[in-house]
C-alpha atoms as a PDB file:
ATOM      1  CA  MET A   1     -76.722 -80.059  33.242  1.00  0.00           C
ATOM      2  CA  ALA A   2     -74.116 -77.392  32.430  1.00  0.00           C
ATOM      3  CA  LYS A   3     -72.137 -78.196  35.575  1.00  0.00           C
ATOM      4  CA  ALA A   4     -72.194 -81.917  34.784  1.00  0.00           C
ATOM      5  CA  VAL A   5     -70.795 -81.274  31.303  1.00  0.00           C
ATOM      6  CA  LEU A   6     -68.077 -78.966  32.635  1.00  0.00           C
ATOM      7  CA  ASN A   7     -67.108 -81.415  35.374  1.00  0.00           C
ATOM      8  CA  LYS A   8     -66.842 -84.217  32.824  1.00  0.00           C
ATOM      9  CA  LEU A   9     -64.635 -82.085  30.567  1.00  0.00           C
ATOM     10  CA  ASN A  10     -62.492 -80.970  33.487  1.00  0.00           C
ATOM     11  CA  LYS A  11     -61.676 -84.571  34.472  1.00  0.00           C
ATOM     12  CA  SER A  12     -59.351 -84.823  31.469  1.00  0.00           C
ATOM     13  CA  GLU A  13     -57.358 -81.857  32.875  1.00  0.00           C
ATOM     14  CA  PRO A  14     -57.535 -79.671  29.759  1.00  0.00           C
ATOM     15  CA  ASP A  15     -55.491 -76.507  29.362  1.00  0.00           C
ATOM     16  CA  LEU A  16     -58.612 -74.634  28.359  1.00  0.00           C
ATOM     17  CA  ILE A  17     -62.364 -75.104  28.185  1.00  0.00           C
ATOM     18  CA  ILE A  18     -64.302 -72.699  26.003  1.00  0.00           C
ATOM     19  CA  VAL A  19     -68.010 -72.523  26.717  1.00  0.00           C
ATOM     20  CA  GLU A  20     -70.179 -71.013  24.013  1.00  0.00           C
ATOM     21  CA  LEU A  21     -73.674 -70.308  25.264  1.00  0.00           C
ATOM     22  CA  GLY A  22     -75.291 -69.754  21.940  1.00  0.00           C
ATOM     23  CA  ASP A  23     -78.411 -67.827  21.320  1.00  0.00           C
ATOM     24  CA  GLY A  24     -78.154 -65.018  23.773  1.00  0.00           C
ATOM     25  CA  ILE A  25     -78.191 -63.786  27.320  1.00  0.00           C
ATOM     26  CA  VAL A  26     -81.894 -62.936  27.262  1.00  0.00           C
ATOM     27  CA  GLY A  27     -84.858 -64.993  26.179  1.00  0.00           C
ATOM     28  CA  GLY A  28     -86.084 -68.478  26.807  1.00  0.00           C
ATOM     29  CA  TYR A  29     -82.814 -70.425  26.746  1.00  0.00           C
ATOM     30  CA  ALA A  30     -82.037 -69.910  30.472  1.00  0.00           C
ATOM     31  CA  VAL A  31     -78.477 -68.797  29.757  1.00  0.00           C
ATOM     32  CA  ASP A  32     -78.837 -66.316  32.611  1.00  0.00           C
ATOM     33  CA  SER A  33     -79.235 -69.168  35.117  1.00  0.00           C
ATOM     34  CA  ILE A  34     -75.914 -70.632  33.989  1.00  0.00           C
ATOM     35  CA  LEU A  35     -74.194 -67.254  34.159  1.00  0.00           C
ATOM     36  CA  GLN A  36     -75.527 -66.571  37.655  1.00  0.00           C
ATOM     37  CA  ASP A  37     -74.268 -69.858  39.099  1.00  0.00           C
ATOM     38  CA  SER A  38     -71.602 -69.022  41.692  1.00  0.00           C
ATOM     39  CA  ASP A  39     -69.446 -72.097  40.929  1.00  0.00           C
ATOM     40  CA  ILE A  40     -69.412 -71.316  37.237  1.00  0.00           C
ATOM     41  CA  LYS A  41     -68.663 -67.638  37.881  1.00  0.00           C
ATOM     42  CA  GLN A  42     -65.754 -68.552  40.154  1.00  0.00           C
ATOM     43  CA  ALA A  43     -64.307 -70.969  37.616  1.00  0.00           C
ATOM     44  CA  THR A  44     -64.504 -68.496  34.731  1.00  0.00           C
ATOM     45  CA  ALA A  45     -61.058 -67.240  33.819  1.00  0.00           C
ATOM     46  CA  ALA A  46     -62.200 -64.736  31.185  1.00  0.00           C
ATOM     47  CA  PHE A  47     -65.539 -63.632  29.782  1.00  0.00           C
ATOM     48  CA  VAL A  48     -65.714 -62.934  26.056  1.00  0.00           C
ATOM     49  CA  PHE A  49     -68.917 -61.415  24.711  1.00  0.00           C
ATOM     50  CA  CYS A  50     -69.683 -61.608  21.005  1.00  0.00           C
ATOM     51  CA  ALA A  51     -71.934 -58.962  19.522  1.00  0.00           C
ATOM     52  CA  SER A  52     -73.085 -58.318  16.005  1.00  0.00           C
ATOM     53  CA  ASP A  53     -73.327 -54.524  16.239  1.00  0.00           C
ATOM     54  CA  TYR A  54     -72.848 -51.490  18.485  1.00  0.00           C
ATOM     55  CA  VAL A  55     -76.311 -51.750  20.021  1.00  0.00           C
ATOM     56  CA  GLY A  56     -75.571 -55.388  20.876  1.00  0.00           C
ATOM     57  CA  VAL A  57     -72.411 -54.282  22.685  1.00  0.00           C
ATOM     58  CA  ILE A  58     -74.317 -51.681  24.688  1.00  0.00           C
ATOM     59  CA  GLY A  59     -77.116 -54.104  25.563  1.00  0.00           C
ATOM     60  CA  GLY A  60     -74.728 -56.944  26.379  1.00  0.00           C
ATOM     61  CA  ILE A  61     -72.704 -54.824  28.755  1.00  0.00           C
ATOM     62  CA  GLU A  62     -75.860 -53.693  30.571  1.00  0.00           C
ATOM     63  CA  VAL A  63     -77.496 -57.119  30.832  1.00  0.00           C
ATOM     64  CA  LEU A  64     -74.300 -58.801  31.998  1.00  0.00           C
ATOM     65  CA  ARG A  65     -73.576 -56.130  34.582  1.00  0.00           C
ATOM     66  CA  ARG A  66     -77.044 -56.760  36.017  1.00  0.00           C
ATOM     67  CA  LEU A  67     -75.961 -60.392  36.380  1.00  0.00           C
ATOM     68  CA  GLY A  68     -72.752 -59.298  38.132  1.00  0.00           C
ATOM     69  CA  ILE A  69     -70.510 -60.103  35.160  1.00  0.00           C
ATOM     70  CA  GLU A  70     -67.895 -57.806  33.707  1.00  0.00           C
ATOM     71  CA  ILE A  71     -66.859 -58.463  30.114  1.00  0.00           C
ATOM     72  CA  ASP A  72     -63.132 -58.944  29.534  1.00  0.00           C
ATOM     73  CA  VAL A  73     -63.098 -58.941  25.733  1.00  0.00           C
ATOM     74  CA  ILE A  74     -65.639 -58.069  23.023  1.00  0.00           C
ATOM     75  CA  ALA A  75     -65.532 -60.081  19.804  1.00  0.00           C
ATOM     76  CA  GLY A  76     -68.023 -61.021  17.106  1.00  0.00           C
ATOM     77  CA  SER A  77     -68.965 -59.303  13.888  1.00  0.00           C
ATOM     78  CA  VAL A  78     -69.022 -55.881  15.553  1.00  0.00           C
ATOM     79  CA  THR A  79     -65.220 -56.172  15.433  1.00  0.00           C
ATOM     80  CA  ASP A  80     -65.068 -57.161  11.760  1.00  0.00           C
ATOM     81  CA  SER A  81     -63.695 -53.688  11.080  1.00  0.00           C
ATOM     82  CA  GLN A  82     -61.026 -51.786  12.961  1.00  0.00           C
ATOM     83  CA  MET A  83     -63.632 -49.073  13.494  1.00  0.00           C
ATOM     84  CA  GLY A  84     -65.710 -51.510  15.568  1.00  0.00           C
ATOM     85  CA  GLU A  85     -62.745 -52.506  17.720  1.00  0.00           C
ATOM     86  CA  ASP A  86     -61.831 -48.865  18.227  1.00  0.00           C
ATOM     87  CA  PHE A  87     -65.419 -47.965  19.192  1.00  0.00           C
ATOM     88  CA  VAL A  88     -65.580 -50.648  21.874  1.00  0.00           C
ATOM     89  CA  GLN A  89     -62.208 -49.762  23.336  1.00  0.00           C
ATOM     90  CA  LYS A  90     -62.787 -45.992  23.278  1.00  0.00           C
ATOM     91  CA  GLU A  91     -66.405 -45.925  24.468  1.00  0.00           C
ATOM     92  CA  PHE A  92     -66.298 -48.697  27.065  1.00  0.00           C
ATOM     93  CA  GLY A  93     -62.647 -49.356  27.908  1.00  0.00           C
ATOM     94  CA  ILE A  94     -63.056 -53.017  27.019  1.00  0.00           C
ATOM     95  CA  ASN A  95     -60.523 -54.804  24.847  1.00  0.00           C
ATOM     96  CA  ALA A  96     -61.886 -55.945  21.502  1.00  0.00           C
ATOM     97  CA  GLY A  97     -60.556 -58.346  18.911  1.00  0.00           C
ATOM     98  CA  ASN A  98     -61.623 -60.256  15.852  1.00  0.00           C
ATOM     99  CA  ALA A  99     -60.921 -63.927  15.161  1.00  0.00           C
ATOM    100  CA  ARG A 100     -61.094 -63.545  11.383  1.00  0.00           C
ATOM    101  CA  ARG A 101     -58.835 -60.518  11.058  1.00  0.00           C
ATOM    102  CA  ASP A 102     -56.335 -61.410  13.776  1.00  0.00           C
ATOM    103  CA  GLY A 103     -57.096 -64.556  15.731  1.00  0.00           C
ATOM    104  CA  LEU A 104     -53.727 -64.573  17.478  1.00  0.00           C
ATOM    105  CA  ARG A 105     -54.305 -61.058  18.841  1.00  0.00           C
ATOM    106  CA  LEU A 106     -57.789 -62.048  20.061  1.00  0.00           C
ATOM    107  CA  PHE A 107     -56.332 -65.089  21.810  1.00  0.00           C
ATOM    108  CA  GLU A 108     -53.668 -62.915  23.450  1.00  0.00           C
ATOM    109  CA  LEU A 109     -56.319 -60.466  24.692  1.00  0.00           C
ATOM    110  CA  ILE A 110     -58.239 -63.343  26.249  1.00  0.00           C
ATOM    111  CA  LYS A 111     -55.090 -64.888  27.718  1.00  0.00           C
ATOM    112  CA  PHE A 112     -54.105 -61.519  29.208  1.00  0.00           C
ATOM    113  CA  ALA A 113     -57.574 -61.093  30.729  1.00  0.00           C
ATOM    114  CA  LYS A 114     -57.432 -64.369  32.664  1.00  0.00           C
ATOM    115  CA  ARG A 115     -58.767 -63.746  36.153  1.00  0.00           C
ATOM    116  CA  ASN A 116     -57.652 -66.935  37.827  1.00  0.00           C
ATOM    117  CA  GLU A 117     -56.280 -70.424  37.461  1.00  0.00           C
ATOM    118  CA  LEU A 118     -59.145 -72.142  39.260  1.00  0.00           C
ATOM    119  CA  ALA A 119     -60.445 -75.461  38.036  1.00  0.00           C
ATOM    120  CA  PHE A 120     -64.145 -76.119  37.902  1.00  0.00           C
ATOM    121  CA  VAL A 121     -65.422 -78.380  40.661  1.00  0.00           C
END
């Protein structure tokens, strides 16, 4: 289903498709099956992980690495303060940004992290 939606969106030749997977990378929503799909992985230009706190960052990094995914940018309420951004960058070497405090900077971090220019097929 996810591939069908992405293919439909891609037919209009957008500059950008943002996919928000909602309620988490663990649990009963099968988000992991979407993230493990090789076509989707190949077509992903940047991976932004949103976490609510430091423990969420630590857990997210670990779970996603087990799925073969490296996070490009951390966002979410953990970055609501500069201290949160600094923690992520210092402890994990991952760029962090906050849409509420500086949306343009967050966008630039994501744009800079782009891995490829591949279209989804």
